[in-house]
Structures are given as structure tokens and as C-alpha cells.
Amino acid sequence: MCADASSSVPTPPRLPDGRPVPRFTGDERAMLESWLDHHRSTLALKCAGLDDAQVRVAAVEPSRLTLLGLVRHMAEVERNWFQRIAAGQDVPAAYEDGTGSALEPAQGMDEALAVWRREIARGRELCAGRSLDSTGRIAAGPLVGTEVGLRWVLIHMIEEYARHNGHADLLRERIDGVTGA
């Protein structure tokens, strides 16, 4: 594997579309984080090159699921699991509806991607020094107070992205016929 000249951290190999290849070997944390980064990159790829009208195309009636809504939703998911639960912070929702699913006419994909990327960066920052065995607590909903380990949060986030990337793949195919990845 190639090493980045500016650090001792190996540069991950990339797929032809630019996404990082998840690690095949290494410690558990590095593998989990590489899979999460792969899925994050997949969502960004599914949204690339589309105009504002295209990212607002809904899946199928009666669903209102859109690529823009998925990006906004994943910003909320990142904030919830890494800031609120893993780090125990009391932070407000990133979007008024608390899910990110309700689209705002004035907000386009560039702004949504910027919010999403800030949430990813903040989550990385908060989890960087934490052990996979460190725990946080669910702050709301039916499981309020339940202790959750960082390992579980990373696995859940991989699952969350994988599920929504399947939705994104179908949405992208409906918009312009692009499939795969």
C-alpha cells in the first residue's frame, strides 16, 4: 500500500470512481472506519453531477425520498450517533424537522453536502481518542438511557449508510439511468 509522504498513515487504494477501498487487513477500528468512509463516499458519488431539480426527484409514489433528503438525513444521523450518543453532547438538530427529510426550497445539494461533511468531521474529531469499548447513552426515544459502545455505533453507521446507499442507487437510476457503485 502506498504511504502518504506527509504522514505515516498509509494512503488507501482508490476505486476508479475515486472512492476509498475498505481495508482488507488491519486492526478492527481501522477496518470499521474504512468501511464507514467507503459508504460515505458512495453516498457522495450517488449525488455527484446532478442539478437541483434532479436531487429533488422522489423515488416512487407515495414516497418523498430524494437524494437531497438522504444527504440531509445522514447529516442528522451523524450528529445523533457521534455527538449526542457517543460523546454525550447536548446539541440541537441540524435541521428543523430533526430528521433532515423535509426539503427546503432555498437549500440545495451544495449546502446539504457542506452540513453533512461538517457533521462527519465533527464526529471523527470527537471519536478520535476514544476506545471502541467507550460508551455513551441513547438520549431520546424508546431506548433512552441505554448504554451503547463506540464499536456498536460504528457498525450501526455502516449498516445505516449501506441501507441508504441502496436507496440512493435506485434514486440515481431513476434520475439518469446510472447504476452500480
N, C-alpha and C. Protein backbone atom coordinates (compact mmCIF):
# COMPACT_ATOMS: atom_id res chain seq x y z
N MET A 1 0.85 -1.16 0.00
CA MET A 1 0.00 0.00 0.00
C MET A 1 0.89 1.22 0.00
N CYS A 2 0.51 2.23 -0.75
CA CYS A 2 1.28 3.46 -0.84
C CYS A 2 1.16 4.24 0.46
N ALA A 3 2.23 4.87 0.87
CA ALA A 3 2.19 5.72 2.06
C ALA A 3 2.15 7.17 1.65
N ASP A 4 1.37 7.93 2.35
CA ASP A 4 1.29 9.37 2.14
C ASP A 4 2.59 9.98 2.64
N ALA A 5 3.23 10.79 1.82
CA ALA A 5 4.53 11.37 2.16
C ALA A 5 4.45 12.26 3.39
N SER A 6 3.28 12.81 3.69
CA SER A 6 3.17 13.75 4.80
C SER A 6 2.85 13.07 6.13
N SER A 7 2.63 11.77 6.12
CA SER A 7 2.32 11.08 7.36
C SER A 7 2.73 9.63 7.28
N SER A 8 2.63 8.94 8.40
CA SER A 8 2.95 7.51 8.41
C SER A 8 1.71 6.66 8.18
N VAL A 9 0.55 7.30 7.98
CA VAL A 9 -0.68 6.58 7.73
C VAL A 9 -0.73 6.20 6.26
N PRO A 10 -0.92 4.92 5.96
CA PRO A 10 -0.97 4.51 4.56
C PRO A 10 -2.15 5.15 3.82
N THR A 11 -1.92 5.53 2.58
CA THR A 11 -2.98 6.06 1.74
C THR A 11 -3.80 4.88 1.23
N PRO A 12 -5.12 4.91 1.45
CA PRO A 12 -5.92 3.76 1.00
C PRO A 12 -5.98 3.72 -0.53
N PRO A 13 -6.00 2.51 -1.10
CA PRO A 13 -6.19 2.43 -2.54
C PRO A 13 -7.57 2.96 -2.90
N ARG A 14 -7.73 3.42 -4.12
CA ARG A 14 -9.00 4.00 -4.56
C ARG A 14 -9.54 3.21 -5.73
N LEU A 15 -10.86 3.17 -5.80
CA LEU A 15 -11.54 2.58 -6.94
C LEU A 15 -11.46 3.55 -8.11
N PRO A 16 -11.70 3.11 -9.33
CA PRO A 16 -11.65 4.03 -10.47
C PRO A 16 -12.56 5.25 -10.32
N ASP A 17 -13.64 5.14 -9.55
CA ASP A 17 -14.54 6.27 -9.36
C ASP A 17 -14.09 7.20 -8.23
N GLY A 18 -12.95 6.90 -7.60
CA GLY A 18 -12.37 7.76 -6.58
C GLY A 18 -12.66 7.36 -5.14
N ARG A 19 -13.58 6.43 -4.93
CA ARG A 19 -13.90 6.02 -3.55
C ARG A 19 -12.76 5.19 -2.96
N PRO A 20 -12.53 5.34 -1.63
CA PRO A 20 -11.50 4.51 -0.99
C PRO A 20 -11.97 3.07 -0.89
N VAL A 21 -11.05 2.17 -1.09
CA VAL A 21 -11.34 0.74 -0.93
C VAL A 21 -11.27 0.42 0.57
N PRO A 22 -12.29 -0.23 1.12
CA PRO A 22 -12.20 -0.59 2.54
C PRO A 22 -11.01 -1.52 2.77
N ARG A 23 -10.42 -1.40 3.95
CA ARG A 23 -9.23 -2.19 4.28
C ARG A 23 -9.55 -3.69 4.25
N PHE A 24 -8.60 -4.45 3.76
CA PHE A 24 -8.70 -5.91 3.75
C PHE A 24 -8.03 -6.52 4.98
N THR A 25 -7.11 -5.77 5.57
CA THR A 25 -6.38 -6.23 6.75
C THR A 25 -6.24 -5.06 7.71
N GLY A 26 -5.78 -5.37 8.89
CA GLY A 26 -5.53 -4.32 9.87
C GLY A 26 -6.35 -4.52 11.11
N ASP A 27 -6.21 -3.56 12.02
CA ASP A 27 -6.95 -3.70 13.26
C ASP A 27 -8.42 -3.39 13.05
N GLU A 28 -9.20 -3.78 14.03
CA GLU A 28 -10.66 -3.66 13.93
C GLU A 28 -11.12 -2.23 13.68
N ARG A 29 -10.57 -1.28 14.41
CA ARG A 29 -11.02 0.11 14.26
C ARG A 29 -10.72 0.63 12.87
N ALA A 30 -9.52 0.37 12.38
CA ALA A 30 -9.16 0.83 11.04
C ALA A 30 -10.09 0.24 9.99
N MET A 31 -10.44 -1.02 10.16
CA MET A 31 -11.34 -1.66 9.20
C MET A 31 -12.74 -1.06 9.28
N LEU A 32 -13.25 -0.87 10.49
CA LEU A 32 -14.59 -0.27 10.64
C LEU A 32 -14.62 1.13 10.05
N GLU A 33 -13.63 1.94 10.37
CA GLU A 33 -13.60 3.31 9.86
C GLU A 33 -13.44 3.34 8.34
N SER A 34 -12.69 2.39 7.78
CA SER A 34 -12.52 2.38 6.32
C SER A 34 -13.82 1.99 5.62
N TRP A 35 -14.58 1.07 6.23
CA TRP A 35 -15.88 0.72 5.65
C TRP A 35 -16.86 1.88 5.74
N LEU A 36 -16.83 2.60 6.86
CA LEU A 36 -17.70 3.76 7.00
C LEU A 36 -17.32 4.84 5.98
N ASP A 37 -16.02 5.09 5.81
CA ASP A 37 -15.58 6.07 4.81
C ASP A 37 -15.98 5.65 3.39
N HIS A 38 -15.90 4.37 3.11
CA HIS A 38 -16.31 3.87 1.80
C HIS A 38 -17.79 4.17 1.55
N HIS A 39 -18.62 3.89 2.54
CA HIS A 39 -20.06 4.14 2.38
C HIS A 39 -20.38 5.62 2.32
N ARG A 40 -19.66 6.44 3.09
CA ARG A 40 -19.86 7.88 2.98
C ARG A 40 -19.53 8.35 1.56
N SER A 41 -18.42 7.87 1.04
CA SER A 41 -18.01 8.24 -0.33
C SER A 41 -19.00 7.76 -1.37
N THR A 42 -19.61 6.61 -1.12
CA THR A 42 -20.62 6.09 -2.05
C THR A 42 -21.82 7.01 -2.12
N LEU A 43 -22.28 7.51 -0.97
CA LEU A 43 -23.41 8.44 -0.98
C LEU A 43 -23.06 9.71 -1.75
N ALA A 44 -21.87 10.25 -1.52
CA ALA A 44 -21.45 11.45 -2.25
C ALA A 44 -21.39 11.18 -3.75
N LEU A 45 -20.89 10.02 -4.13
CA LEU A 45 -20.80 9.66 -5.54
C LEU A 45 -22.20 9.60 -6.18
N LYS A 46 -23.16 9.06 -5.46
CA LYS A 46 -24.52 8.94 -6.00
C LYS A 46 -25.14 10.31 -6.27
N CYS A 47 -24.66 11.33 -5.58
CA CYS A 47 -25.21 12.68 -5.73
C CYS A 47 -24.42 13.54 -6.71
N ALA A 48 -23.27 13.06 -7.13
CA ALA A 48 -22.38 13.87 -7.96
C ALA A 48 -22.94 14.13 -9.36
N GLY A 49 -22.76 15.36 -9.81
CA GLY A 49 -23.11 15.71 -11.18
C GLY A 49 -24.58 15.95 -11.46
N LEU A 50 -25.39 16.04 -10.42
CA LEU A 50 -26.83 16.25 -10.61
C LEU A 50 -27.18 17.69 -10.31
N ASP A 51 -28.22 18.19 -10.98
CA ASP A 51 -28.67 19.55 -10.70
C ASP A 51 -29.72 19.54 -9.58
N ASP A 52 -30.15 20.75 -9.20
CA ASP A 52 -31.07 20.88 -8.07
C ASP A 52 -32.38 20.14 -8.29
N ALA A 53 -32.90 20.20 -9.49
CA ALA A 53 -34.17 19.50 -9.76
C ALA A 53 -33.98 17.99 -9.64
N GLN A 54 -32.86 17.48 -10.12
CA GLN A 54 -32.62 16.04 -10.09
C GLN A 54 -32.49 15.50 -8.67
N VAL A 55 -31.79 16.22 -7.78
CA VAL A 55 -31.61 15.72 -6.41
C VAL A 55 -32.90 15.78 -5.60
N ARG A 56 -33.94 16.42 -6.18
CA ARG A 56 -35.24 16.51 -5.53
C ARG A 56 -36.26 15.53 -6.12
N VAL A 57 -35.83 14.69 -7.06
CA VAL A 57 -36.73 13.70 -7.66
C VAL A 57 -37.01 12.62 -6.62
N ALA A 58 -38.29 12.38 -6.37
CA ALA A 58 -38.69 11.37 -5.39
C ALA A 58 -38.60 9.97 -5.99
N ALA A 59 -38.44 9.00 -5.11
CA ALA A 59 -38.28 7.61 -5.53
C ALA A 59 -39.50 7.13 -6.33
N VAL A 60 -40.56 6.87 -5.67
CA VAL A 60 -41.82 6.43 -6.28
C VAL A 60 -42.95 6.86 -5.37
N GLU A 61 -44.12 7.07 -5.93
CA GLU A 61 -45.28 7.43 -5.11
C GLU A 61 -45.60 6.27 -4.18
N PRO A 62 -45.95 6.49 -2.96
CA PRO A 62 -46.17 7.77 -2.31
C PRO A 62 -44.92 8.31 -1.61
N SER A 63 -43.77 7.65 -1.78
CA SER A 63 -42.55 8.07 -1.09
C SER A 63 -42.10 9.46 -1.52
N ARG A 64 -41.57 10.20 -0.56
CA ARG A 64 -40.98 11.51 -0.84
C ARG A 64 -39.46 11.44 -0.74
N LEU A 65 -38.89 10.23 -0.69
CA LEU A 65 -37.46 10.01 -0.56
C LEU A 65 -36.72 10.59 -1.75
N THR A 66 -35.71 11.43 -1.49
CA THR A 66 -34.89 12.04 -2.53
C THR A 66 -33.42 11.93 -2.13
N LEU A 67 -32.53 12.13 -3.11
CA LEU A 67 -31.11 12.16 -2.78
C LEU A 67 -30.78 13.31 -1.85
N LEU A 68 -31.37 14.47 -2.08
CA LEU A 68 -31.15 15.61 -1.19
C LEU A 68 -31.62 15.28 0.22
N GLY A 69 -32.77 14.65 0.34
CA GLY A 69 -33.28 14.25 1.64
C GLY A 69 -32.39 13.23 2.33
N LEU A 70 -31.80 12.30 1.55
CA LEU A 70 -30.89 11.31 2.13
C LEU A 70 -29.65 11.97 2.71
N VAL A 71 -29.08 12.93 1.99
CA VAL A 71 -27.88 13.62 2.48
C VAL A 71 -28.22 14.38 3.76
N ARG A 72 -29.33 15.08 3.77
CA ARG A 72 -29.75 15.81 4.96
C ARG A 72 -30.00 14.84 6.12
N HIS A 73 -30.66 13.74 5.84
CA HIS A 73 -30.93 12.74 6.87
C HIS A 73 -29.62 12.19 7.45
N MET A 74 -28.66 11.90 6.59
CA MET A 74 -27.41 11.33 7.08
C MET A 74 -26.61 12.35 7.89
N ALA A 75 -26.79 13.64 7.62
CA ALA A 75 -26.17 14.66 8.48
C ALA A 75 -26.75 14.55 9.89
N GLU A 76 -28.07 14.39 9.97
CA GLU A 76 -28.72 14.23 11.29
C GLU A 76 -28.26 12.94 11.97
N VAL A 77 -28.14 11.87 11.21
CA VAL A 77 -27.71 10.58 11.77
C VAL A 77 -26.29 10.69 12.31
N GLU A 78 -25.40 11.31 11.54
CA GLU A 78 -24.02 11.52 12.00
C GLU A 78 -24.01 12.30 13.31
N ARG A 79 -24.77 13.39 13.35
CA ARG A 79 -24.82 14.24 14.55
C ARG A 79 -25.35 13.44 15.74
N ASN A 80 -26.43 12.72 15.53
CA ASN A 80 -27.05 11.98 16.61
C ASN A 80 -26.11 10.94 17.20
N TRP A 81 -25.56 10.06 16.39
CA TRP A 81 -24.78 8.94 16.92
C TRP A 81 -23.42 9.35 17.44
N PHE A 82 -22.75 10.28 16.78
CA PHE A 82 -21.41 10.63 17.23
C PHE A 82 -21.40 11.75 18.27
N GLN A 83 -22.18 12.79 18.08
CA GLN A 83 -22.15 13.90 19.04
C GLN A 83 -23.03 13.62 20.25
N ARG A 84 -24.29 13.30 20.00
CA ARG A 84 -25.22 13.12 21.12
C ARG A 84 -24.95 11.84 21.90
N ILE A 85 -24.80 10.75 21.20
CA ILE A 85 -24.71 9.46 21.89
C ILE A 85 -23.28 9.10 22.27
N ALA A 86 -22.38 9.02 21.30
CA ALA A 86 -21.00 8.61 21.63
C ALA A 86 -20.30 9.63 22.52
N ALA A 87 -20.50 10.93 22.24
CA ALA A 87 -19.79 11.96 23.01
C ALA A 87 -20.64 12.57 24.12
N GLY A 88 -21.93 12.23 24.18
CA GLY A 88 -22.79 12.72 25.24
C GLY A 88 -23.06 14.22 25.21
N GLN A 89 -22.99 14.82 24.04
CA GLN A 89 -23.22 16.26 23.93
C GLN A 89 -24.70 16.57 23.75
N ASP A 90 -25.11 17.69 24.27
CA ASP A 90 -26.48 18.16 24.11
C ASP A 90 -26.48 19.17 22.98
N VAL A 91 -26.65 18.69 21.75
CA VAL A 91 -26.64 19.57 20.58
C VAL A 91 -28.01 19.54 19.92
N PRO A 92 -28.40 20.67 19.33
CA PRO A 92 -29.69 20.71 18.65
C PRO A 92 -29.63 19.93 17.34
N ALA A 93 -30.77 19.70 16.76
CA ALA A 93 -30.83 19.04 15.46
C ALA A 93 -30.16 19.92 14.40
N ALA A 94 -29.63 19.32 13.39
CA ALA A 94 -29.02 20.06 12.29
C ALA A 94 -30.09 20.74 11.45
N TYR A 95 -31.28 20.12 11.40
CA TYR A 95 -32.40 20.65 10.61
C TYR A 95 -33.64 20.75 11.49
N GLU A 96 -34.51 21.68 11.15
CA GLU A 96 -35.71 21.94 11.95
C GLU A 96 -36.55 20.70 12.22
N ASP A 97 -36.73 19.85 11.21
CA ASP A 97 -37.60 18.69 11.40
C ASP A 97 -36.93 17.57 12.19
N GLY A 98 -35.64 17.70 12.46
CA GLY A 98 -34.93 16.70 13.26
C GLY A 98 -34.56 15.44 12.53
N THR A 99 -35.02 15.28 11.29
CA THR A 99 -34.66 14.10 10.51
C THR A 99 -33.87 14.47 9.26
N GLY A 100 -34.04 15.71 8.80
CA GLY A 100 -33.41 16.15 7.57
C GLY A 100 -34.22 15.82 6.34
N SER A 101 -35.28 15.06 6.50
CA SER A 101 -36.05 14.60 5.35
C SER A 101 -36.92 15.67 4.70
N ALA A 102 -37.36 16.66 5.48
CA ALA A 102 -38.20 17.72 4.92
C ALA A 102 -37.33 18.69 4.14
N LEU A 103 -37.59 18.80 2.85
CA LEU A 103 -36.75 19.65 1.99
C LEU A 103 -37.17 21.10 2.09
N GLU A 104 -36.18 21.96 1.99
CA GLU A 104 -36.40 23.40 1.99
C GLU A 104 -36.10 23.92 0.59
N PRO A 105 -37.00 24.69 0.01
CA PRO A 105 -36.78 25.20 -1.35
C PRO A 105 -35.47 25.96 -1.51
N ALA A 106 -35.05 26.68 -0.47
CA ALA A 106 -33.86 27.51 -0.58
C ALA A 106 -32.56 26.73 -0.41
N GLN A 107 -32.62 25.52 0.14
CA GLN A 107 -31.39 24.76 0.36
C GLN A 107 -31.19 23.73 -0.74
N GLY A 108 -30.04 23.82 -1.38
CA GLY A 108 -29.70 22.86 -2.42
C GLY A 108 -28.67 21.85 -1.94
N MET A 109 -28.20 21.05 -2.87
CA MET A 109 -27.28 19.97 -2.53
C MET A 109 -25.94 20.49 -2.02
N ASP A 110 -25.42 21.58 -2.57
CA ASP A 110 -24.12 22.08 -2.10
C ASP A 110 -24.16 22.39 -0.61
N GLU A 111 -25.21 23.07 -0.16
CA GLU A 111 -25.33 23.40 1.25
C GLU A 111 -25.53 22.14 2.09
N ALA A 112 -26.37 21.23 1.61
CA ALA A 112 -26.62 19.98 2.35
C ALA A 112 -25.34 19.16 2.48
N LEU A 113 -24.56 19.08 1.40
CA LEU A 113 -23.29 18.35 1.46
C LEU A 113 -22.32 19.01 2.43
N ALA A 114 -22.31 20.33 2.48
CA ALA A 114 -21.43 21.05 3.41
C ALA A 114 -21.81 20.73 4.86
N VAL A 115 -23.10 20.74 5.16
CA VAL A 115 -23.56 20.40 6.51
C VAL A 115 -23.18 18.96 6.83
N TRP A 116 -23.44 18.05 5.91
CA TRP A 116 -23.13 16.63 6.10
C TRP A 116 -21.63 16.43 6.36
N ARG A 117 -20.80 17.08 5.56
CA ARG A 117 -19.34 16.94 5.73
C ARG A 117 -18.88 17.53 7.07
N ARG A 118 -19.48 18.61 7.52
CA ARG A 118 -19.14 19.17 8.84
C ARG A 118 -19.50 18.18 9.94
N GLU A 119 -20.65 17.52 9.81
CA GLU A 119 -21.05 16.54 10.81
C GLU A 119 -20.09 15.36 10.83
N ILE A 120 -19.66 14.92 9.66
CA ILE A 120 -18.68 13.82 9.59
C ILE A 120 -17.38 14.24 10.27
N ALA A 121 -16.89 15.43 9.95
CA ALA A 121 -15.64 15.91 10.54
C ALA A 121 -15.75 16.02 12.05
N ARG A 122 -16.86 16.53 12.54
CA ARG A 122 -17.05 16.68 13.99
C ARG A 122 -17.11 15.31 14.66
N GLY A 123 -17.79 14.37 14.04
CA GLY A 123 -17.84 13.02 14.60
C GLY A 123 -16.47 12.38 14.66
N ARG A 124 -15.68 12.55 13.62
CA ARG A 124 -14.32 12.00 13.61
C ARG A 124 -13.49 12.61 14.74
N GLU A 125 -13.62 13.91 14.88
CA GLU A 125 -12.87 14.64 15.91
C GLU A 125 -13.23 14.12 17.31
N LEU A 126 -14.50 13.96 17.57
CA LEU A 126 -14.95 13.52 18.89
C LEU A 126 -14.59 12.07 19.20
N CYS A 127 -14.49 11.24 18.19
CA CYS A 127 -14.23 9.82 18.42
C CYS A 127 -12.76 9.44 18.29
N ALA A 128 -11.93 10.36 17.81
CA ALA A 128 -10.53 10.05 17.52
C ALA A 128 -9.79 9.44 18.71
N GLY A 129 -9.96 9.94 19.89
CA GLY A 129 -9.22 9.43 21.03
C GLY A 129 -9.96 8.40 21.86
N ARG A 130 -11.15 8.03 21.42
CA ARG A 130 -11.97 7.09 22.20
C ARG A 130 -11.70 5.65 21.81
N SER A 131 -11.73 4.80 22.79
CA SER A 131 -11.61 3.36 22.58
C SER A 131 -12.91 2.84 21.98
N LEU A 132 -12.81 1.76 21.22
CA LEU A 132 -14.02 1.11 20.71
C LEU A 132 -14.91 0.63 21.85
N ASP A 133 -14.32 0.45 23.01
CA ASP A 133 -15.08 0.00 24.18
C ASP A 133 -15.70 1.15 24.96
N SER A 134 -15.39 2.39 24.58
CA SER A 134 -16.00 3.52 25.29
C SER A 134 -17.50 3.52 25.01
N THR A 135 -18.25 4.06 25.96
CA THR A 135 -19.71 4.02 25.82
C THR A 135 -20.32 5.40 25.97
N GLY A 136 -21.50 5.49 25.40
CA GLY A 136 -22.35 6.66 25.55
C GLY A 136 -23.75 6.15 25.84
N ARG A 137 -24.70 7.06 25.91
CA ARG A 137 -26.07 6.66 26.22
C ARG A 137 -27.04 7.27 25.21
N ILE A 138 -28.01 6.47 24.84
CA ILE A 138 -29.07 6.95 23.97
C ILE A 138 -29.87 7.98 24.76
N ALA A 139 -30.06 9.16 24.13
CA ALA A 139 -30.65 10.29 24.86
C ALA A 139 -32.14 10.48 24.63
N ALA A 140 -32.70 9.81 23.64
CA ALA A 140 -34.13 10.02 23.34
C ALA A 140 -34.71 8.74 22.73
N GLY A 141 -36.02 8.70 22.66
CA GLY A 141 -36.70 7.58 22.02
C GLY A 141 -36.98 6.43 22.97
N PRO A 142 -37.42 5.32 22.42
CA PRO A 142 -37.85 4.20 23.26
C PRO A 142 -36.72 3.53 24.04
N LEU A 143 -35.48 3.73 23.62
CA LEU A 143 -34.35 3.10 24.31
C LEU A 143 -33.54 4.10 25.13
N VAL A 144 -34.15 5.23 25.48
CA VAL A 144 -33.46 6.28 26.23
C VAL A 144 -32.74 5.69 27.44
N GLY A 145 -31.48 6.11 27.63
CA GLY A 145 -30.68 5.65 28.75
C GLY A 145 -29.86 4.40 28.47
N THR A 146 -30.13 3.73 27.37
CA THR A 146 -29.39 2.50 27.04
C THR A 146 -27.93 2.84 26.74
N GLU A 147 -27.04 2.07 27.34
CA GLU A 147 -25.60 2.25 27.11
C GLU A 147 -25.24 1.63 25.76
N VAL A 148 -24.43 2.37 24.98
CA VAL A 148 -24.04 1.93 23.65
C VAL A 148 -22.54 2.14 23.48
N GLY A 149 -21.86 1.10 23.00
CA GLY A 149 -20.43 1.19 22.78
C GLY A 149 -20.10 1.83 21.43
N LEU A 150 -18.93 2.47 21.34
CA LEU A 150 -18.50 3.09 20.09
C LEU A 150 -18.39 2.04 18.98
N ARG A 151 -17.95 0.84 19.29
CA ARG A 151 -17.88 -0.24 18.30
C ARG A 151 -19.27 -0.45 17.67
N TRP A 152 -20.30 -0.53 18.51
CA TRP A 152 -21.67 -0.71 18.04
C TRP A 152 -22.09 0.46 17.16
N VAL A 153 -21.76 1.68 17.59
CA VAL A 153 -22.13 2.87 16.81
C VAL A 153 -21.50 2.80 15.42
N LEU A 154 -20.23 2.44 15.33
CA LEU A 154 -19.57 2.35 14.01
C LEU A 154 -20.24 1.28 13.15
N ILE A 155 -20.53 0.14 13.73
CA ILE A 155 -21.21 -0.92 12.96
C ILE A 155 -22.59 -0.45 12.52
N HIS A 156 -23.31 0.19 13.41
CA HIS A 156 -24.63 0.71 13.05
C HIS A 156 -24.53 1.74 11.93
N MET A 157 -23.55 2.60 11.98
CA MET A 157 -23.40 3.62 10.94
C MET A 157 -23.08 2.99 9.58
N ILE A 158 -22.28 1.95 9.57
CA ILE A 158 -22.01 1.22 8.32
C ILE A 158 -23.31 0.66 7.77
N GLU A 159 -24.10 0.05 8.65
CA GLU A 159 -25.40 -0.51 8.24
C GLU A 159 -26.33 0.58 7.75
N GLU A 160 -26.37 1.70 8.43
CA GLU A 160 -27.25 2.80 8.05
C GLU A 160 -26.90 3.33 6.66
N TYR A 161 -25.61 3.54 6.43
CA TYR A 161 -25.18 4.01 5.11
C TYR A 161 -25.44 2.95 4.04
N ALA A 162 -25.15 1.69 4.33
CA ALA A 162 -25.36 0.64 3.33
C ALA A 162 -26.82 0.59 2.90
N ARG A 163 -27.72 0.68 3.87
CA ARG A 163 -29.15 0.65 3.56
C ARG A 163 -29.54 1.85 2.71
N HIS A 164 -29.12 3.03 3.13
CA HIS A 164 -29.49 4.22 2.39
C HIS A 164 -28.76 4.34 1.06
N ASN A 165 -27.59 3.75 0.94
CA ASN A 165 -26.92 3.75 -0.36
C ASN A 165 -27.67 2.87 -1.36
N GLY A 166 -28.35 1.85 -0.88
CA GLY A 166 -29.23 1.08 -1.75
C GLY A 166 -30.36 1.95 -2.27
N HIS A 167 -30.93 2.76 -1.37
CA HIS A 167 -31.97 3.70 -1.80
C HIS A 167 -31.39 4.69 -2.81
N ALA A 168 -30.19 5.21 -2.51
CA ALA A 168 -29.56 6.19 -3.39
C ALA A 168 -29.29 5.60 -4.77
N ASP A 169 -28.91 4.34 -4.82
CA ASP A 169 -28.65 3.68 -6.10
C ASP A 169 -29.92 3.64 -6.94
N LEU A 170 -31.04 3.29 -6.32
CA LEU A 170 -32.31 3.25 -7.05
C LEU A 170 -32.76 4.64 -7.49
N LEU A 171 -32.57 5.62 -6.61
CA LEU A 171 -32.92 7.00 -6.98
C LEU A 171 -32.09 7.47 -8.16
N ARG A 172 -30.79 7.22 -8.11
CA ARG A 172 -29.91 7.67 -9.20
C ARG A 172 -30.29 6.98 -10.50
N GLU A 173 -30.60 5.71 -10.45
CA GLU A 173 -31.03 5.02 -11.66
C GLU A 173 -32.30 5.64 -12.22
N ARG A 174 -33.22 6.00 -11.35
CA ARG A 174 -34.46 6.63 -11.81
C ARG A 174 -34.21 7.99 -12.44
N ILE A 175 -33.25 8.74 -11.88
CA ILE A 175 -32.97 10.09 -12.36
C ILE A 175 -32.32 10.08 -13.74
N ASP A 176 -31.23 9.31 -13.88
CA ASP A 176 -30.48 9.38 -15.15
C ASP A 176 -29.96 8.04 -15.67
N GLY A 177 -30.41 6.95 -15.05
CA GLY A 177 -30.02 5.63 -15.54
C GLY A 177 -28.68 5.12 -15.04
N VAL A 178 -27.95 5.91 -14.25
CA VAL A 178 -26.65 5.48 -13.74
C VAL A 178 -26.87 4.44 -12.67
N THR A 179 -26.16 3.32 -12.78
CA THR A 179 -26.26 2.23 -11.82
C THR A 179 -24.88 1.84 -11.31
N GLY A 180 -24.88 1.01 -10.29
CA GLY A 180 -23.62 0.49 -9.78
C GLY A 180 -23.06 1.30 -8.64
N ALA A 181 -21.87 0.90 -8.22
CA ALA A 181 -21.12 1.53 -7.13
C ALA A 181 -21.84 1.30 -5.86
